[in-house]
Structures are given as structure tokens and as C-alpha cells.
Amino acid sequence: MSAETRVWPEPVERVAAFLREVGAEARLEELPQETPTAEGAADAIGCTLSQIVKSLVLVCDGAPVVADEDE
């Protein structure tokens, strides 16, 4: 089954549905092992640490909130 048609766990599916709705170019992947750190994620997919997203900006009650690796 391709990433575009896969049914994800509900929280992931909400994100996937939003990305589809807005036409965002994105690829969701599930790795066979846990990757609790950015370093582990980089190792698991074979990229550099600088290519891993370490912060997300979310909008909560109309205000931007940064969720970074330290929180």
C-alpha cells in the first residue's frame, strides 16, 4: 500500500488528511524501529542530522507556539 493511500493511526491520519487537503507536498513514513531522537531518526533513514525537523510551529488559540526538541 502506498503512503498516499495508507490508513494511519488517527492522530497521524488527521495530519495526513490536512496535508492532502491543502495540497502540500509531503511524504509520511513509518520506520520499523523507534526514533526518539533526531540523531536516531537521521541514522534510521540515512540522512544528516541537519535534514531532520527539530522544531514545529503550531498555532494555538490564534498565537504561534514553537515546539522544539528541548520541550
N, C-alpha and C. Protein backbone atom coordinates (compact mmCIF):
# COMPACT_ATOMS: atom_id res chain seq x y z
N MET A 1 0.85 -1.18 0.00
CA MET A 1 0.00 0.00 0.00
C MET A 1 0.90 1.24 0.00
N SER A 2 0.60 2.19 -0.82
CA SER A 2 1.44 3.38 -0.91
C SER A 2 1.16 4.33 0.25
N ALA A 3 2.11 5.26 0.50
CA ALA A 3 1.95 6.23 1.58
C ALA A 3 0.74 7.11 1.35
N GLU A 4 0.36 7.32 0.06
CA GLU A 4 -0.76 8.19 -0.24
C GLU A 4 -2.10 7.56 0.14
N THR A 5 -2.20 6.24 0.12
CA THR A 5 -3.47 5.58 0.40
C THR A 5 -3.48 4.84 1.73
N ARG A 6 -2.40 4.83 2.43
CA ARG A 6 -2.32 4.12 3.69
C ARG A 6 -3.24 4.75 4.74
N VAL A 7 -3.82 3.92 5.58
CA VAL A 7 -4.61 4.42 6.70
C VAL A 7 -3.70 4.41 7.92
N TRP A 8 -3.48 5.57 8.46
CA TRP A 8 -2.58 5.75 9.61
C TRP A 8 -3.38 5.72 10.91
N PRO A 9 -2.68 5.61 12.05
CA PRO A 9 -3.37 5.81 13.33
C PRO A 9 -4.05 7.18 13.32
N GLU A 10 -5.14 7.32 14.03
CA GLU A 10 -5.99 8.52 13.95
C GLU A 10 -5.23 9.84 14.06
N PRO A 11 -4.32 10.03 15.03
CA PRO A 11 -3.62 11.32 15.10
C PRO A 11 -2.78 11.61 13.85
N VAL A 12 -2.15 10.58 13.30
CA VAL A 12 -1.34 10.75 12.10
C VAL A 12 -2.25 10.99 10.90
N GLU A 13 -3.37 10.30 10.85
CA GLU A 13 -4.31 10.47 9.75
C GLU A 13 -4.86 11.89 9.69
N ARG A 14 -5.06 12.52 10.85
CA ARG A 14 -5.52 13.93 10.85
C ARG A 14 -4.51 14.81 10.14
N VAL A 15 -3.23 14.60 10.42
CA VAL A 15 -2.17 15.38 9.76
C VAL A 15 -2.14 15.04 8.28
N ALA A 16 -2.19 13.75 7.94
CA ALA A 16 -2.17 13.34 6.54
C ALA A 16 -3.34 13.93 5.77
N ALA A 17 -4.52 13.92 6.37
CA ALA A 17 -5.71 14.48 5.72
C ALA A 17 -5.54 15.98 5.48
N PHE A 18 -5.01 16.68 6.46
CA PHE A 18 -4.78 18.12 6.30
C PHE A 18 -3.78 18.38 5.17
N LEU A 19 -2.70 17.62 5.14
CA LEU A 19 -1.70 17.80 4.09
C LEU A 19 -2.31 17.55 2.71
N ARG A 20 -3.14 16.52 2.59
CA ARG A 20 -3.83 16.26 1.32
C ARG A 20 -4.76 17.42 0.97
N GLU A 21 -5.51 17.88 1.96
CA GLU A 21 -6.49 18.95 1.75
C GLU A 21 -5.86 20.23 1.21
N VAL A 22 -4.70 20.59 1.74
CA VAL A 22 -4.05 21.82 1.31
C VAL A 22 -3.11 21.61 0.13
N GLY A 23 -3.00 20.36 -0.32
CA GLY A 23 -2.16 20.08 -1.48
C GLY A 23 -0.67 20.16 -1.19
N ALA A 24 -0.30 19.94 0.06
CA ALA A 24 1.12 20.01 0.44
C ALA A 24 1.88 18.83 -0.13
N GLU A 25 3.10 19.09 -0.54
CA GLU A 25 3.98 18.00 -0.96
C GLU A 25 4.64 17.44 0.29
N ALA A 26 4.25 16.25 0.66
CA ALA A 26 4.79 15.65 1.89
C ALA A 26 4.79 14.14 1.73
N ARG A 27 5.66 13.51 2.48
CA ARG A 27 5.73 12.05 2.50
C ARG A 27 5.78 11.62 3.95
N LEU A 28 4.83 10.80 4.36
CA LEU A 28 4.82 10.26 5.71
C LEU A 28 5.40 8.85 5.64
N GLU A 29 6.27 8.54 6.58
CA GLU A 29 6.86 7.20 6.61
C GLU A 29 6.81 6.67 8.03
N GLU A 30 6.62 5.37 8.14
CA GLU A 30 6.70 4.69 9.43
C GLU A 30 7.94 3.83 9.41
N LEU A 31 8.79 4.02 10.39
CA LEU A 31 10.03 3.26 10.45
C LEU A 31 9.84 2.00 11.29
N PRO A 32 10.60 0.96 11.00
CA PRO A 32 10.43 -0.30 11.74
C PRO A 32 10.92 -0.21 13.18
N GLN A 33 11.74 0.79 13.50
CA GLN A 33 12.24 0.95 14.86
C GLN A 33 11.88 2.34 15.39
N GLU A 34 11.85 2.47 16.71
CA GLU A 34 11.58 3.77 17.31
C GLU A 34 12.75 4.71 17.07
N THR A 35 12.44 5.99 16.92
CA THR A 35 13.47 7.00 16.71
C THR A 35 13.18 8.19 17.62
N PRO A 36 13.44 8.04 18.92
CA PRO A 36 13.08 9.09 19.87
C PRO A 36 13.96 10.33 19.81
N THR A 37 15.07 10.27 19.10
CA THR A 37 15.95 11.44 18.99
C THR A 37 16.13 11.80 17.52
N ALA A 38 16.51 13.04 17.28
CA ALA A 38 16.80 13.48 15.91
C ALA A 38 17.97 12.67 15.35
N GLU A 39 18.96 12.40 16.18
CA GLU A 39 20.10 11.61 15.73
C GLU A 39 19.66 10.21 15.29
N GLY A 40 18.79 9.58 16.08
CA GLY A 40 18.29 8.26 15.74
C GLY A 40 17.48 8.27 14.46
N ALA A 41 16.68 9.31 14.27
CA ALA A 41 15.89 9.42 13.04
C ALA A 41 16.80 9.58 11.83
N ALA A 42 17.81 10.41 11.94
CA ALA A 42 18.76 10.61 10.84
C ALA A 42 19.46 9.30 10.49
N ASP A 43 19.91 8.57 11.51
CA ASP A 43 20.57 7.29 11.27
C ASP A 43 19.62 6.29 10.60
N ALA A 44 18.36 6.27 11.06
CA ALA A 44 17.39 5.30 10.56
C ALA A 44 17.06 5.50 9.08
N ILE A 45 17.03 6.75 8.64
CA ILE A 45 16.66 7.00 7.24
C ILE A 45 17.85 7.35 6.37
N GLY A 46 19.04 7.42 6.98
CA GLY A 46 20.24 7.64 6.19
C GLY A 46 20.44 9.05 5.69
N CYS A 47 20.13 10.02 6.54
CA CYS A 47 20.37 11.41 6.15
C CYS A 47 21.20 12.08 7.24
N THR A 48 21.51 13.35 7.03
CA THR A 48 22.28 14.07 8.03
C THR A 48 21.35 14.63 9.10
N LEU A 49 21.90 14.90 10.25
CA LEU A 49 21.12 15.46 11.35
C LEU A 49 20.47 16.77 10.94
N SER A 50 21.15 17.58 10.13
CA SER A 50 20.59 18.88 9.74
C SER A 50 19.36 18.75 8.85
N GLN A 51 19.09 17.56 8.32
CA GLN A 51 17.93 17.35 7.47
C GLN A 51 16.69 16.91 8.26
N ILE A 52 16.83 16.74 9.56
CA ILE A 52 15.71 16.33 10.40
C ILE A 52 15.05 17.56 11.02
N VAL A 53 13.72 17.61 10.95
CA VAL A 53 12.99 18.72 11.57
C VAL A 53 13.08 18.56 13.07
N LYS A 54 13.55 19.58 13.74
CA LYS A 54 13.70 19.52 15.19
C LYS A 54 12.74 20.46 15.90
N SER A 55 12.05 21.30 15.14
CA SER A 55 11.09 22.24 15.72
C SER A 55 9.85 22.29 14.84
N LEU A 56 8.72 22.49 15.47
CA LEU A 56 7.46 22.69 14.77
C LEU A 56 6.83 23.97 15.28
N VAL A 57 6.23 24.72 14.39
CA VAL A 57 5.49 25.91 14.79
C VAL A 57 4.01 25.59 14.62
N LEU A 58 3.28 25.68 15.71
CA LEU A 58 1.86 25.39 15.72
C LEU A 58 1.11 26.67 16.05
N VAL A 59 -0.15 26.73 15.67
CA VAL A 59 -0.98 27.87 16.05
C VAL A 59 -2.00 27.37 17.08
N CYS A 60 -1.94 27.94 18.28
CA CYS A 60 -2.84 27.58 19.36
C CYS A 60 -3.59 28.83 19.80
N ASP A 61 -4.89 28.79 19.73
CA ASP A 61 -5.72 29.94 20.09
C ASP A 61 -5.29 31.20 19.35
N GLY A 62 -4.89 31.03 18.08
CA GLY A 62 -4.53 32.16 17.26
C GLY A 62 -3.10 32.68 17.42
N ALA A 63 -2.34 32.08 18.32
CA ALA A 63 -0.96 32.54 18.55
C ALA A 63 0.03 31.44 18.17
N PRO A 64 1.15 31.82 17.52
CA PRO A 64 2.16 30.80 17.19
C PRO A 64 2.85 30.27 18.43
N VAL A 65 3.08 28.96 18.45
CA VAL A 65 3.77 28.31 19.54
C VAL A 65 4.85 27.42 18.92
N VAL A 66 6.08 27.53 19.43
CA VAL A 66 7.17 26.70 18.91
C VAL A 66 7.34 25.48 19.81
N ALA A 67 7.30 24.32 19.18
CA ALA A 67 7.58 23.06 19.89
C ALA A 67 8.92 22.59 19.38
N ASP A 68 9.95 22.68 20.20
CA ASP A 68 11.27 22.27 19.73
C ASP A 68 11.77 21.06 20.49
N GLU A 69 12.95 20.60 20.13
CA GLU A 69 13.48 19.37 20.69
C GLU A 69 13.73 19.43 22.18
N ASP A 70 13.75 20.62 22.76
CA ASP A 70 14.01 20.75 24.19
C ASP A 70 12.74 20.69 25.03
N GLU A 71 11.58 20.67 24.39
CA GLU A 71 10.31 20.69 25.13
C GLU A 71 9.63 19.36 25.09
